Amino acid sequence: MTRRFTRLAWLAATCTYLLIILGAIVRITGSGLGCGEHWPLCNGRLLPPLDVPTLIEYGHRLAAAAVSVLVAALAAYAWWLRRETGIEKRETWPGRPAYVALALLILQIALGAVTVELSLPPWTVIVHLGTAMLLLATLLVAARGRLRSPPSRAGLAGLALGFVTVLFGALTANLGAASACLGFPLCNGQVMPAGNYLQHVHWTHRLLAYALAGHVVWWAVRTKQRGAWYVVALVALQIMVAAAMVLWALPRALQATHVAVGAAVWAGLVLTVW
């Protein structure tokens, strides 16, 4: 029975990962208000006319509904396992992360509604992404099961640094700061850019990414964990994608790839630490 729970958790985590990428496509294509300011309906209708922006936003909402069903089913199955098998007090009981995932889902739905009602202010979009990352992490924890050993301080530090880097990436994108720093690896050829605050936001995001790269390399060398080396590879790929994105004037495909690899880095950190 717990094997079925694990499979359901992996499915929910996979769909959440894909939903994060789809959410990025909504932002990149400017489709965030493709359904107007209506929520949960789309332009006041259950089945709206599907022009491209509406199709993208409506597809995102349908995917979010599918994730909602999976997370709710996971929490319900965890509750059923506790009642039918009496394993609540065992270390293998999977209910806690499932319940946390359900709480995060409810928060995420509320944030999504607020984001639409307030016409996509940057702070709500950033918090929305941050909550999505926490939801993904919680589902991965539910799928992975109990800890084999206590997480190391280096691993937890990598998690914290990775999460902050993701949030600054969202801030960079939603403030329109992605093009504030030209060239790579420096910002407009400077170690300390002397321009406006958008350059500082973008440069902070890059510095966090460089710090994360150095940290995960040190972590992998120190622990010799295979998973840590996978994270190193993902971070290196992410930096290459970011460099190409900046040097090639932010093509949409690379922007979406940047989010996809960034979410994969986060997932890799969670799985390796856990």
Protein backbone atom coordinates (compact mmCIF):
# COMPACT_ATOMS: atom_id res chain seq x y z
CA MET A 1 0.00 0.00 0.00
CA THR A 2 2.83 2.39 0.77
CA ARG A 3 4.23 1.54 -2.67
CA ARG A 4 1.05 2.90 -4.23
CA PHE A 5 1.41 5.99 -2.09
CA THR A 6 4.98 6.43 -3.33
CA ARG A 7 3.91 6.12 -6.96
CA LEU A 8 1.16 8.68 -6.44
CA ALA A 9 3.64 11.05 -4.76
CA TRP A 10 6.09 10.71 -7.68
CA LEU A 11 3.27 11.38 -10.15
CA ALA A 12 2.16 14.47 -8.23
CA ALA A 13 5.75 15.73 -8.01
CA THR A 14 6.32 15.20 -11.75
CA CYS A 15 3.11 17.05 -12.64
CA THR A 16 4.04 19.88 -10.27
CA TYR A 17 7.42 20.19 -11.99
CA LEU A 18 5.72 20.41 -15.38
CA LEU A 19 3.23 22.92 -13.97
CA ILE A 20 6.12 25.17 -12.88
CA ILE A 21 7.47 25.12 -16.43
CA LEU A 22 4.02 25.86 -17.85
CA GLY A 23 3.68 28.76 -15.40
CA ALA A 24 6.96 30.14 -16.73
CA ILE A 25 5.64 29.88 -20.29
CA VAL A 26 2.58 31.87 -19.20
CA ARG A 27 4.86 34.65 -17.93
CA ILE A 28 7.30 34.52 -20.86
CA THR A 29 4.53 34.79 -23.45
CA GLY A 30 2.69 37.52 -21.54
CA SER A 31 -0.38 35.32 -21.13
CA GLY A 32 -0.89 35.91 -17.40
CA LEU A 33 -4.11 37.79 -18.05
CA GLY A 34 -5.19 35.54 -20.90
CA CYS A 35 -8.31 34.78 -18.88
CA GLY A 36 -8.80 38.41 -17.90
CA GLU A 37 -9.18 39.17 -14.22
CA HIS A 38 -11.66 36.35 -13.71
CA TRP A 39 -10.94 33.45 -11.37
CA PRO A 40 -11.65 30.52 -11.31
CA LEU A 41 -13.53 31.08 -14.57
CA CYS A 42 -11.72 32.25 -17.70
CA ASN A 43 -13.06 35.51 -19.10
CA GLY A 44 -16.20 34.79 -17.13
CA ARG A 45 -16.80 31.45 -18.85
CA LEU A 46 -16.03 27.81 -18.16
CA LEU A 47 -15.03 27.22 -21.80
CA PRO A 48 -13.74 30.52 -23.22
CA PRO A 49 -12.77 31.25 -26.84
CA LEU A 50 -9.23 29.95 -27.17
CA ASP A 51 -6.95 32.55 -28.72
CA VAL A 52 -3.27 31.87 -28.04
CA PRO A 53 -2.84 33.82 -24.75
CA THR A 54 -6.13 32.43 -23.42
CA LEU A 55 -5.18 28.91 -24.49
CA ILE A 56 -1.85 29.12 -22.65
CA GLU A 57 -3.36 30.54 -19.45
CA TYR A 58 -6.35 28.19 -19.56
CA GLY A 59 -4.01 25.22 -20.10
CA HIS A 60 -2.02 26.34 -17.07
CA ARG A 61 -5.19 26.45 -14.97
CA LEU A 62 -6.27 22.99 -16.14
CA ALA A 63 -2.82 21.62 -15.28
CA ALA A 64 -3.08 23.26 -11.85
CA ALA A 65 -6.46 21.58 -11.38
CA ALA A 66 -4.90 18.19 -12.20
CA VAL A 67 -2.11 18.80 -9.66
CA SER A 68 -4.74 19.79 -7.10
CA VAL A 69 -6.57 16.51 -7.59
CA LEU A 70 -3.34 14.52 -7.24
CA VAL A 71 -2.21 16.32 -4.08
CA ALA A 72 -5.65 16.03 -2.49
CA ALA A 73 -5.72 12.33 -3.38
CA LEU A 74 -2.27 11.88 -1.84
CA ALA A 75 -3.37 13.46 1.45
CA ALA A 76 -6.56 11.41 1.46
CA TYR A 77 -4.62 8.21 0.81
CA ALA A 78 -2.20 9.05 3.64
CA TRP A 79 -5.17 9.52 5.97
CA TRP A 80 -6.65 6.21 4.82
CA LEU A 81 -3.33 4.44 5.42
CA ARG A 82 -3.18 5.79 8.94
CA ARG A 83 -6.73 4.69 9.70
CA GLU A 84 -6.58 1.25 8.06
CA THR A 85 -3.07 0.15 8.99
CA GLY A 86 -2.39 2.03 12.20
CA ILE A 87 1.13 3.07 11.11
CA GLU A 88 0.82 6.67 12.33
CA LYS A 89 3.52 6.30 14.94
CA ARG A 90 5.98 4.46 12.75
CA GLU A 91 8.85 6.25 11.08
CA THR A 92 7.60 5.04 7.72
CA TRP A 93 4.24 6.81 7.99
CA PRO A 94 4.03 9.08 4.92
CA GLY A 95 1.21 11.33 6.08
CA ARG A 96 3.05 14.39 7.34
CA PRO A 97 4.59 15.55 4.03
CA ALA A 98 1.32 14.74 2.27
CA TYR A 99 -0.61 16.97 4.67
CA VAL A 100 1.98 19.73 4.33
CA ALA A 101 1.67 19.45 0.54
CA LEU A 102 -2.11 19.87 0.82
CA ALA A 103 -1.69 22.99 2.97
CA LEU A 104 0.80 24.43 0.47
CA LEU A 105 -1.60 23.64 -2.36
CA ILE A 106 -4.39 25.58 -0.65
CA LEU A 107 -2.02 28.50 -0.15
CA GLN A 108 -0.92 28.27 -3.78
CA ILE A 109 -4.50 28.36 -5.04
CA ALA A 110 -5.21 31.43 -2.91
CA LEU A 111 -2.05 33.13 -4.20
CA GLY A 112 -3.03 32.31 -7.77
CA ALA A 113 -6.41 33.95 -7.27
CA VAL A 114 -4.85 37.04 -5.63
CA THR A 115 -2.25 37.28 -8.43
CA VAL A 116 -4.97 37.38 -11.08
CA GLU A 117 -7.26 39.73 -9.14
CA LEU A 118 -4.42 42.21 -8.58
CA SER A 119 -3.32 42.05 -12.24
CA LEU A 120 0.00 40.24 -11.68
CA PRO A 121 2.01 42.45 -9.29
CA PRO A 122 5.61 41.17 -9.13
CA TRP A 123 5.55 40.27 -5.42
CA THR A 124 2.58 37.91 -5.81
CA VAL A 125 4.16 36.19 -8.84
CA ILE A 126 7.40 35.67 -6.90
CA VAL A 127 5.64 34.29 -3.81
CA HIS A 128 3.54 32.11 -6.11
CA LEU A 129 6.70 30.56 -7.59
CA GLY A 130 8.31 30.17 -4.19
CA THR A 131 5.28 28.29 -2.89
CA ALA A 132 5.31 26.09 -5.99
CA MET A 133 8.95 25.18 -5.29
CA LEU A 134 8.11 24.32 -1.68
CA LEU A 135 5.21 22.19 -2.90
CA LEU A 136 7.50 20.34 -5.29
CA ALA A 137 10.02 19.76 -2.49
CA THR A 138 7.35 18.44 -0.14
CA LEU A 139 6.02 16.02 -2.74
CA LEU A 140 9.54 14.77 -3.42
CA VAL A 141 10.03 14.21 0.30
CA ALA A 142 6.76 12.26 0.40
CA ALA A 143 7.89 10.14 -2.56
CA ARG A 144 11.37 9.54 -1.21
CA GLY A 145 10.23 8.35 2.21
CA ARG A 146 11.94 8.66 5.56
CA LEU A 147 15.45 10.00 5.96
CA ARG A 148 18.24 7.43 5.80
CA SER A 149 20.50 9.75 7.79
CA PRO A 150 20.22 13.29 9.17
CA PRO A 151 20.71 15.96 6.49
CA SER A 152 24.14 17.58 6.55
CA ARG A 153 24.63 21.26 7.23
CA ALA A 154 26.25 21.61 3.82
CA GLY A 155 23.20 20.09 2.17
CA LEU A 156 20.79 22.32 4.07
CA ALA A 157 22.91 25.35 3.23
CA GLY A 158 22.74 24.35 -0.45
CA LEU A 159 18.95 24.08 -0.19
CA ALA A 160 18.66 27.53 1.36
CA LEU A 161 21.01 29.07 -1.20
CA GLY A 162 19.19 27.35 -4.05
CA PHE A 163 15.80 28.61 -2.86
CA VAL A 164 16.99 32.20 -2.51
CA THR A 165 18.59 32.00 -5.97
CA VAL A 166 15.29 30.84 -7.44
CA LEU A 167 13.40 33.70 -5.80
CA PHE A 168 15.91 36.27 -7.07
CA GLY A 169 15.60 34.73 -10.52
CA ALA A 170 11.84 35.26 -10.36
CA LEU A 171 12.39 38.82 -9.13
CA THR A 172 14.81 39.49 -12.00
CA ALA A 173 12.34 38.22 -14.57
CA ASN A 174 9.23 39.91 -13.19
CA LEU A 175 10.84 43.31 -12.69
CA GLY A 176 12.08 43.28 -16.28
CA ALA A 177 15.69 43.14 -15.11
CA ALA A 178 16.72 40.20 -17.28
CA SER A 179 18.26 42.51 -19.87
CA ALA A 180 19.77 44.95 -17.34
CA CYS A 181 23.14 43.17 -17.35
CA LEU A 182 24.60 42.62 -20.80
CA GLY A 183 27.54 40.31 -21.36
CA PHE A 184 28.69 37.32 -19.35
CA PRO A 185 30.00 36.56 -16.73
CA LEU A 186 30.26 40.23 -15.69
CA CYS A 187 27.44 42.75 -15.66
CA ASN A 188 28.03 45.21 -18.50
CA GLY A 189 31.72 44.46 -18.16
CA GLN A 190 31.78 45.52 -14.50
CA VAL A 191 32.30 43.57 -11.28
CA MET A 192 30.15 46.12 -9.43
CA PRO A 193 27.63 47.67 -11.84
CA ALA A 194 27.06 51.38 -11.30
CA GLY A 195 23.66 51.54 -12.97
CA ASN A 196 20.09 51.50 -11.70
CA TYR A 197 18.49 49.09 -9.24
CA LEU A 198 17.51 46.66 -12.00
CA GLN A 199 21.20 45.99 -12.65
CA HIS A 200 21.72 45.38 -8.94
CA VAL A 201 18.82 42.89 -8.80
CA HIS A 202 20.11 41.03 -11.85
CA TRP A 203 23.71 41.05 -10.59
CA THR A 204 22.62 39.77 -7.18
CA HIS A 205 20.90 36.86 -8.88
CA ARG A 206 24.08 36.05 -10.81
CA LEU A 207 26.24 36.28 -7.69
CA LEU A 208 23.89 33.90 -5.89
CA ALA A 209 24.12 31.49 -8.82
CA TYR A 210 27.91 31.65 -8.78
CA ALA A 211 27.89 31.07 -5.01
CA LEU A 212 25.57 28.10 -5.44
CA ALA A 213 27.87 26.64 -8.09
CA GLY A 214 30.89 26.94 -5.81
CA HIS A 215 28.99 25.51 -2.86
CA VAL A 216 27.68 22.42 -4.63
CA VAL A 217 31.13 21.64 -6.06
CA TRP A 218 32.60 21.87 -2.55
CA TRP A 219 29.71 19.77 -1.21
CA ALA A 220 30.20 17.08 -3.86
CA VAL A 221 33.96 16.88 -3.30
CA ARG A 222 33.49 16.71 0.44
CA THR A 223 30.69 14.13 0.58
CA LYS A 224 31.45 12.16 -2.61
CA GLN A 225 27.70 11.65 -3.04
CA ARG A 226 26.65 10.72 -6.55
CA GLY A 227 23.55 12.87 -6.19
CA ALA A 228 25.66 15.89 -5.31
CA TRP A 229 27.64 15.48 -8.53
CA TYR A 230 24.35 15.31 -10.47
CA VAL A 231 23.45 18.65 -8.89
CA VAL A 232 26.84 20.04 -9.94
CA ALA A 233 26.10 19.01 -13.52
CA LEU A 234 22.65 20.62 -13.41
CA VAL A 235 24.04 23.87 -11.98
CA ALA A 236 26.72 23.95 -14.70
CA LEU A 237 24.04 23.40 -17.35
CA GLN A 238 21.94 26.16 -15.81
CA ILE A 239 24.81 28.64 -15.94
CA MET A 240 25.46 27.75 -19.61
CA VAL A 241 21.77 28.25 -20.43
CA ALA A 242 21.80 31.59 -18.59
CA ALA A 243 24.90 32.73 -20.47
CA ALA A 244 23.37 31.81 -23.83
CA MET A 245 20.12 33.49 -22.85
CA VAL A 246 21.88 36.79 -22.05
CA LEU A 247 24.23 36.71 -25.03
CA TRP A 248 21.44 35.86 -27.49
CA ALA A 249 19.02 38.57 -26.30
CA LEU A 250 16.66 36.45 -24.18
CA PRO A 251 14.99 34.09 -26.69
CA ARG A 252 11.78 32.66 -25.25
CA ALA A 253 12.85 29.04 -25.66
CA LEU A 254 15.96 29.62 -23.55
CA GLN A 255 13.95 31.51 -20.93
CA ALA A 256 11.67 28.48 -20.54
CA THR A 257 14.70 26.16 -20.49
CA HIS A 258 16.26 28.31 -17.78
CA VAL A 259 13.21 27.81 -15.55
CA ALA A 260 13.07 24.08 -16.32
CA VAL A 261 16.71 23.49 -15.43
CA GLY A 262 16.43 25.75 -12.38
CA ALA A 263 13.51 23.69 -11.08
CA ALA A 264 15.54 20.55 -11.79
CA VAL A 265 18.43 21.96 -9.74
CA TRP A 266 16.03 22.58 -6.85
CA ALA A 267 14.58 19.08 -7.14
CA GLY A 268 18.08 17.58 -7.28
CA LEU A 269 19.07 19.45 -4.13
CA VAL A 270 15.98 18.21 -2.28
CA LEU A 271 16.46 14.59 -3.35
CA THR A 272 20.17 14.56 -2.55
CA VAL A 273 19.73 16.14 0.88
CA TRP A 274 16.84 13.81 1.67
